[in-house]
Every structure is written in structure tokens, then in C-alpha cells.
Amino acid sequence: QLLRRKNDIVNLLRGGACELSKWTSNS
């Protein structure tokens, strides 16, 4: 579910030409 959520966030932000970086996780 977290992986699907990450993909949704990335796609939502991509619609506004925003790119996320500096990711970290305990997974």
C-alpha cells in the first residue's frame, strides 16, 4: 500500500512539474 501511495504522490506532483528527491524509508 505504501508503494502504491508513493506512486500516487509522484504522479500527482508530476502533474504540477514537481519532482521529489531525497527519499528515505525503513522499507
PDB file of all heavy atoms in Angstrom:
ATOM      1  N   GLN A   1       0.837  -1.197   0.000  1.00  0.00           N
ATOM      2  CA  GLN A   1       0.000   0.000   0.000  1.00  0.00           C
ATOM      3  C   GLN A   1       0.877   1.255   0.000  1.00  0.00           C
ATOM      4  O   GLN A   1       0.567   2.236  -0.669  1.00  0.00           O
ATOM      5  CB  GLN A   1      -0.940   0.008   1.207  1.00  0.00           C
ATOM      6  CG  GLN A   1      -1.874   1.194   1.230  1.00  0.00           C
ATOM      7  CD  GLN A   1      -2.747   1.222   2.470  1.00  0.00           C
ATOM      8  OE1 GLN A   1      -2.438   0.595   3.478  1.00  0.00           O
ATOM      9  NE2 GLN A   1      -3.844   1.952   2.405  1.00  0.00           N
ATOM     10  N   LEU A   2       1.984   1.226   0.724  1.00  0.00           N
ATOM     11  CA  LEU A   2       2.900   2.360   0.747  1.00  0.00           C
ATOM     12  C   LEU A   2       3.518   2.585  -0.622  1.00  0.00           C
ATOM     13  O   LEU A   2       3.674   3.718  -1.060  1.00  0.00           O
ATOM     14  CB  LEU A   2       3.986   2.143   1.802  1.00  0.00           C
ATOM     15  CG  LEU A   2       4.938   3.309   2.048  1.00  0.00           C
ATOM     16  CD1 LEU A   2       4.179   4.550   2.499  1.00  0.00           C
ATOM     17  CD2 LEU A   2       5.984   2.923   3.074  1.00  0.00           C
ATOM     18  N   LEU A   3       3.845   1.516  -1.329  1.00  0.00           N
ATOM     19  CA  LEU A   3       4.401   1.634  -2.676  1.00  0.00           C
ATOM     20  C   LEU A   3       3.374   2.262  -3.628  1.00  0.00           C
ATOM     21  O   LEU A   3       3.714   3.149  -4.412  1.00  0.00           O
ATOM     22  CB  LEU A   3       4.836   0.261  -3.183  1.00  0.00           C
ATOM     23  CG  LEU A   3       5.585   0.222  -4.502  1.00  0.00           C
ATOM     24  CD1 LEU A   3       6.837   1.076  -4.433  1.00  0.00           C
ATOM     25  CD2 LEU A   3       5.940  -1.205  -4.853  1.00  0.00           C
ATOM     26  N   ARG A   4       2.123   1.833  -3.534  1.00  0.00           N
ATOM     27  CA  ARG A   4       1.064   2.430  -4.362  1.00  0.00           C
ATOM     28  C   ARG A   4       0.864   3.899  -3.983  1.00  0.00           C
ATOM     29  O   ARG A   4       0.660   4.758  -4.850  1.00  0.00           O
ATOM     30  CB  ARG A   4      -0.241   1.651  -4.212  1.00  0.00           C
ATOM     31  CG  ARG A   4      -0.203   0.283  -4.864  1.00  0.00           C
ATOM     32  CD  ARG A   4      -1.566  -0.365  -4.955  1.00  0.00           C
ATOM     33  NE  ARG A   4      -2.325  -0.378  -3.718  1.00  0.00           N
ATOM     34  CZ  ARG A   4      -2.295  -1.357  -2.812  1.00  0.00           C
ATOM     35  NH1 ARG A   4      -1.544  -2.417  -3.010  1.00  0.00           N
ATOM     36  NH2 ARG A   4      -3.024  -1.271  -1.717  1.00  0.00           N
ATOM     37  N   ARG A   5       0.940   4.200  -2.696  1.00  0.00           N
ATOM     38  CA  ARG A   5       0.780   5.579  -2.227  1.00  0.00           C
ATOM     39  C   ARG A   5       1.916   6.459  -2.734  1.00  0.00           C
ATOM     40  O   ARG A   5       1.711   7.590  -3.166  1.00  0.00           O
ATOM     41  CB  ARG A   5       0.727   5.593  -0.703  1.00  0.00           C
ATOM     42  CG  ARG A   5       0.221   6.872  -0.129  1.00  0.00           C
ATOM     43  CD  ARG A   5      -0.051   6.739   1.342  1.00  0.00           C
ATOM     44  NE  ARG A   5      -0.791   7.899   1.790  1.00  0.00           N
ATOM     45  CZ  ARG A   5      -0.931   8.229   3.048  1.00  0.00           C
ATOM     46  NH1 ARG A   5      -0.427   7.476   3.998  1.00  0.00           N
ATOM     47  NH2 ARG A   5      -1.612   9.309   3.377  1.00  0.00           N
ATOM     48  N   LYS A   6       3.126   5.938  -2.688  1.00  0.00           N
ATOM     49  CA  LYS A   6       4.290   6.667  -3.217  1.00  0.00           C
ATOM     50  C   LYS A   6       4.090   6.985  -4.686  1.00  0.00           C
ATOM     51  O   LYS A   6       4.306   8.112  -5.135  1.00  0.00           O
ATOM     52  CB  LYS A   6       5.563   5.860  -3.019  1.00  0.00           C
ATOM     53  CG  LYS A   6       6.804   6.527  -3.619  1.00  0.00           C
ATOM     54  CD  LYS A   6       7.933   5.559  -3.859  1.00  0.00           C
ATOM     55  CE  LYS A   6       7.778   4.722  -5.053  1.00  0.00           C
ATOM     56  NZ  LYS A   6       8.354   5.104  -6.306  1.00  0.00           N
ATOM     57  N   ASN A   7       3.628   6.003  -5.459  1.00  0.00           N
ATOM     58  CA  ASN A   7       3.408   6.211  -6.890  1.00  0.00           C
ATOM     59  C   ASN A   7       2.331   7.261  -7.142  1.00  0.00           C
ATOM     60  O   ASN A   7       2.462   8.078  -8.048  1.00  0.00           O
ATOM     61  CB  ASN A   7       3.055   4.893  -7.570  1.00  0.00           C
ATOM     62  CG  ASN A   7       4.232   3.938  -7.604  1.00  0.00           C
ATOM     63  OD1 ASN A   7       5.382   4.362  -7.590  1.00  0.00           O
ATOM     64  ND2 ASN A   7       3.954   2.661  -7.614  1.00  0.00           N
ATOM     65  N   ASP A   8       1.266   7.256  -6.345  1.00  0.00           N
ATOM     66  CA  ASP A   8       0.219   8.269  -6.491  1.00  0.00           C
ATOM     67  C   ASP A   8       0.753   9.667  -6.185  1.00  0.00           C
ATOM     68  O   ASP A   8       0.437  10.625  -6.888  1.00  0.00           O
ATOM     69  CB  ASP A   8      -0.973   7.957  -5.576  1.00  0.00           C
ATOM     70  CG  ASP A   8      -1.989   7.040  -6.221  1.00  0.00           C
ATOM     71  OD1 ASP A   8      -1.699   6.488  -7.308  1.00  0.00           O
ATOM     72  OD2 ASP A   8      -3.079   6.863  -5.642  1.00  0.00           O
ATOM     73  N   ILE A   9       1.564   9.788  -5.145  1.00  0.00           N
ATOM     74  CA  ILE A   9       2.134  11.094  -4.789  1.00  0.00           C
ATOM     75  C   ILE A   9       3.053  11.592  -5.896  1.00  0.00           C
ATOM     76  O   ILE A   9       2.995  12.758  -6.298  1.00  0.00           O
ATOM     77  CB  ILE A   9       2.883  11.020  -3.442  1.00  0.00           C
ATOM     78  CG1 ILE A   9       1.910  10.753  -2.307  1.00  0.00           C
ATOM     79  CG2 ILE A   9       3.676  12.300  -3.179  1.00  0.00           C
ATOM     80  CD1 ILE A   9       2.573  10.366  -0.999  1.00  0.00           C
ATOM     81  N   VAL A  10       3.897  10.703  -6.415  1.00  0.00           N
ATOM     82  CA  VAL A  10       4.810  11.076  -7.500  1.00  0.00           C
ATOM     83  C   VAL A  10       4.017  11.526  -8.721  1.00  0.00           C
ATOM     84  O   VAL A  10       4.328  12.551  -9.341  1.00  0.00           O
ATOM     85  CB  VAL A  10       5.751   9.898  -7.844  1.00  0.00           C
ATOM     86  CG1 VAL A  10       6.480  10.136  -9.156  1.00  0.00           C
ATOM     87  CG2 VAL A  10       6.740   9.663  -6.713  1.00  0.00           C
ATOM     88  N   ASN A  11       2.977  10.790  -9.080  1.00  0.00           N
ATOM     89  CA  ASN A  11       2.177  11.146 -10.251  1.00  0.00           C
ATOM     90  C   ASN A  11       1.396  12.438 -10.044  1.00  0.00           C
ATOM     91  O   ASN A  11       1.262  13.245 -10.965  1.00  0.00           O
ATOM     92  CB  ASN A  11       1.236   9.998 -10.616  1.00  0.00           C
ATOM     93  CG  ASN A  11       1.995   8.805 -11.151  1.00  0.00           C
ATOM     94  OD1 ASN A  11       3.037   8.966 -11.790  1.00  0.00           O
ATOM     95  ND2 ASN A  11       1.496   7.622 -10.884  1.00  0.00           N
ATOM     96  N   LEU A  12       0.879  12.661  -8.835  1.00  0.00           N
ATOM     97  CA  LEU A  12       0.186  13.906  -8.539  1.00  0.00           C
ATOM     98  C   LEU A  12       1.128  15.096  -8.691  1.00  0.00           C
ATOM     99  O   LEU A  12       0.799  16.091  -9.335  1.00  0.00           O
ATOM    100  CB  LEU A  12      -0.403  13.868  -7.125  1.00  0.00           C
ATOM    101  CG  LEU A  12      -1.054  15.150  -6.615  1.00  0.00           C
ATOM    102  CD1 LEU A  12      -2.268  15.514  -7.460  1.00  0.00           C
ATOM    103  CD2 LEU A  12      -1.443  15.002  -5.152  1.00  0.00           C
ATOM    104  N   LEU A  13       2.314  14.992  -8.119  1.00  0.00           N
ATOM    105  CA  LEU A  13       3.276  16.087  -8.194  1.00  0.00           C
ATOM    106  C   LEU A  13       3.838  16.272  -9.601  1.00  0.00           C
ATOM    107  O   LEU A  13       4.165  17.385 -10.005  1.00  0.00           O
ATOM    108  CB  LEU A  13       4.395  15.880  -7.186  1.00  0.00           C
ATOM    109  CG  LEU A  13       3.968  16.132  -5.742  1.00  0.00           C
ATOM    110  CD1 LEU A  13       5.011  15.650  -4.769  1.00  0.00           C
ATOM    111  CD2 LEU A  13       3.676  17.593  -5.516  1.00  0.00           C
ATOM    112  N   ARG A  14       3.950  15.179 -10.335  1.00  0.00           N
ATOM    113  CA  ARG A  14       4.428  15.270 -11.709  1.00  0.00           C
ATOM    114  C   ARG A  14       3.471  16.130 -12.547  1.00  0.00           C
ATOM    115  O   ARG A  14       3.896  16.825 -13.461  1.00  0.00           O
ATOM    116  CB  ARG A  14       4.556  13.876 -12.313  1.00  0.00           C
ATOM    117  CG  ARG A  14       5.321  13.868 -13.621  1.00  0.00           C
ATOM    118  CD  ARG A  14       5.637  12.465 -14.065  1.00  0.00           C
ATOM    119  NE  ARG A  14       6.716  11.942 -13.238  1.00  0.00           N
ATOM    120  CZ  ARG A  14       6.816  10.660 -12.877  1.00  0.00           C
ATOM    121  NH1 ARG A  14       5.913   9.781 -13.250  1.00  0.00           N
ATOM    122  NH2 ARG A  14       7.820  10.253 -12.133  1.00  0.00           N
ATOM    123  N   GLY A  15       2.169  16.092 -12.225  1.00  0.00           N
ATOM    124  CA  GLY A  15       1.185  16.927 -12.913  1.00  0.00           C
ATOM    125  C   GLY A  15       1.445  18.410 -12.719  1.00  0.00           C
ATOM    126  O   GLY A  15       1.022  19.226 -13.531  1.00  0.00           O
ATOM    127  N   GLY A  16       2.126  18.779 -11.670  1.00  0.00           N
ATOM    128  CA  GLY A  16       2.496  20.176 -11.414  1.00  0.00           C
ATOM    129  C   GLY A  16       3.950  20.450 -11.714  1.00  0.00           C
ATOM    130  O   GLY A  16       4.502  21.447 -11.257  1.00  0.00           O
ATOM    131  N   ALA A  17       4.591  19.553 -12.457  1.00  0.00           N
ATOM    132  CA  ALA A  17       6.010  19.668 -12.838  1.00  0.00           C
ATOM    133  C   ALA A  17       6.922  19.688 -11.612  1.00  0.00           C
ATOM    134  O   ALA A  17       7.947  20.363 -11.600  1.00  0.00           O
ATOM    135  CB  ALA A  17       6.241  20.881 -13.725  1.00  0.00           C
ATOM    136  N   CYS A  18       6.551  18.956 -10.570  1.00  0.00           N
ATOM    137  CA  CYS A  18       7.378  18.855  -9.365  1.00  0.00           C
ATOM    138  C   CYS A  18       7.982  17.457  -9.307  1.00  0.00           C
ATOM    139  O   CYS A  18       7.303  16.466  -9.564  1.00  0.00           O
ATOM    140  CB  CYS A  18       6.545  19.088  -8.115  1.00  0.00           C
ATOM    141  SG  CYS A  18       5.824  20.724  -8.021  1.00  0.00           S
ATOM    142  N   GLU A  19       9.231  17.390  -8.955  1.00  0.00           N
ATOM    143  CA  GLU A  19       9.936  16.119  -8.849  1.00  0.00           C
ATOM    144  C   GLU A  19      10.437  15.959  -7.423  1.00  0.00           C
ATOM    145  O   GLU A  19      11.091  16.852  -6.895  1.00  0.00           O
ATOM    146  CB  GLU A  19      11.109  16.103  -9.829  1.00  0.00           C
ATOM    147  CG  GLU A  19      11.757  14.766 -10.015  1.00  0.00           C
ATOM    148  CD  GLU A  19      10.921  13.794 -10.836  1.00  0.00           C
ATOM    149  OE1 GLU A  19      10.137  14.240 -11.692  1.00  0.00           O
ATOM    150  OE2 GLU A  19      11.050  12.579 -10.613  1.00  0.00           O
ATOM    151  N   LEU A  20      10.126  14.831  -6.808  1.00  0.00           N
ATOM    152  CA  LEU A  20      10.583  14.573  -5.441  1.00  0.00           C
ATOM    153  C   LEU A  20      11.967  13.950  -5.460  1.00  0.00           C
ATOM    154  O   LEU A  20      12.290  13.149  -6.330  1.00  0.00           O
ATOM    155  CB  LEU A  20       9.613  13.641  -4.720  1.00  0.00           C
ATOM    156  CG  LEU A  20       8.236  14.217  -4.422  1.00  0.00           C
ATOM    157  CD1 LEU A  20       7.351  13.151  -3.801  1.00  0.00           C
ATOM    158  CD2 LEU A  20       8.349  15.400  -3.482  1.00  0.00           C
ATOM    159  N   SER A  21      12.768  14.307  -4.483  1.00  0.00           N
ATOM    160  CA  SER A  21      14.100  13.723  -4.329  1.00  0.00           C
ATOM    161  C   SER A  21      14.388  13.563  -2.850  1.00  0.00           C
ATOM    162  O   SER A  21      13.582  13.929  -2.013  1.00  0.00           O
ATOM    163  CB  SER A  21      15.157  14.605  -5.001  1.00  0.00           C
ATOM    164  OG  SER A  21      15.200  15.861  -4.390  1.00  0.00           O
ATOM    165  N   LYS A  22      15.544  13.021  -2.538  1.00  0.00           N
ATOM    166  CA  LYS A  22      15.980  12.783  -1.154  1.00  0.00           C
ATOM    167  C   LYS A  22      14.980  11.898  -0.406  1.00  0.00           C
ATOM    168  O   LYS A  22      14.516  12.227   0.668  1.00  0.00           O
ATOM    169  CB  LYS A  22      16.218  14.095  -0.411  1.00  0.00           C
ATOM    170  CG  LYS A  22      17.365  14.890  -0.971  1.00  0.00           C
ATOM    171  CD  LYS A  22      17.858  15.886   0.041  1.00  0.00           C
ATOM    172  CE  LYS A  22      17.357  17.254  -0.261  1.00  0.00           C
ATOM    173  NZ  LYS A  22      17.845  18.263   0.658  1.00  0.00           N
ATOM    174  N   TRP A  23      14.637  10.784  -1.019  1.00  0.00           N
ATOM    175  CA  TRP A  23      13.735   9.818  -0.404  1.00  0.00           C
ATOM    176  C   TRP A  23      14.480   8.987   0.624  1.00  0.00           C
ATOM    177  O   TRP A  23      15.655   8.679   0.462  1.00  0.00           O
ATOM    178  CB  TRP A  23      13.202   8.855  -1.458  1.00  0.00           C
ATOM    179  CG  TRP A  23      12.215   9.417  -2.419  1.00  0.00           C
ATOM    180  CD1 TRP A  23      12.488  10.131  -3.551  1.00  0.00           C
ATOM    181  CD2 TRP A  23      10.798   9.288  -2.355  1.00  0.00           C
ATOM    182  NE1 TRP A  23      11.322  10.451  -4.188  1.00  0.00           N
ATOM    183  CE2 TRP A  23      10.268   9.939  -3.479  1.00  0.00           C
ATOM    184  CE3 TRP A  23       9.934   8.674  -1.462  1.00  0.00           C
ATOM    185  CZ2 TRP A  23       8.915  10.005  -3.737  1.00  0.00           C
ATOM    186  CZ3 TRP A  23       8.583   8.734  -1.723  1.00  0.00           C
ATOM    187  CH2 TRP A  23       8.079   9.390  -2.839  1.00  0.00           C
ATOM    188  N   THR A  24      13.767   8.578   1.654  1.00  0.00           N
ATOM    189  CA  THR A  24      14.287   7.596   2.590  1.00  0.00           C
ATOM    190  C   THR A  24      13.118   6.818   3.153  1.00  0.00           C
ATOM    191  O   THR A  24      11.986   7.269   3.129  1.00  0.00           O
ATOM    192  CB  THR A  24      15.132   8.231   3.713  1.00  0.00           C
ATOM    193  OG1 THR A  24      15.801   7.190   4.417  1.00  0.00           O
ATOM    194  CG2 THR A  24      14.301   9.046   4.663  1.00  0.00           C
ATOM    195  N   SER A  25      13.399   5.623   3.617  1.00  0.00           N
ATOM    196  CA  SER A  25      12.350   4.763   4.151  1.00  0.00           C
ATOM    197  C   SER A  25      12.987   3.706   5.028  1.00  0.00           C
ATOM    198  O   SER A  25      14.173   3.409   4.915  1.00  0.00           O
ATOM    199  CB  SER A  25      11.590   4.100   2.995  1.00  0.00           C
ATOM    200  OG  SER A  25      10.609   3.216   3.494  1.00  0.00           O
ATOM    201  N   ASN A  26      12.173   3.116   5.878  1.00  0.00           N
ATOM    202  CA  ASN A  26      12.637   1.976   6.654  1.00  0.00           C
ATOM    203  C   ASN A  26      12.263   0.685   5.941  1.00  0.00           C
ATOM    204  O   ASN A  26      12.461  -0.392   6.469  1.00  0.00           O
ATOM    205  CB  ASN A  26      12.063   2.005   8.073  1.00  0.00           C
ATOM    206  CG  ASN A  26      10.554   1.961   8.075  1.00  0.00           C
ATOM    207  OD1 ASN A  26       9.909   2.109   7.051  1.00  0.00           O
ATOM    208  ND2 ASN A  26       9.986   1.759   9.246  1.00  0.00           N
ATOM    209  N   SER A  27      11.728   0.786   4.725  1.00  0.00           N
ATOM    210  CA  SER A  27      11.305  -0.361   3.931  1.00  0.00           C
ATOM    211  C   SER A  27      12.257  -0.573   2.760  1.00  0.00           C
ATOM    212  O   SER A  27      12.439   0.318   1.923  1.00  0.00           O
ATOM    213  CB  SER A  27       9.886  -0.130   3.402  1.00  0.00           C
ATOM    214  OG  SER A  27       9.590  -1.035   2.371  1.00  0.00           O
TER     215      SER A  27
END
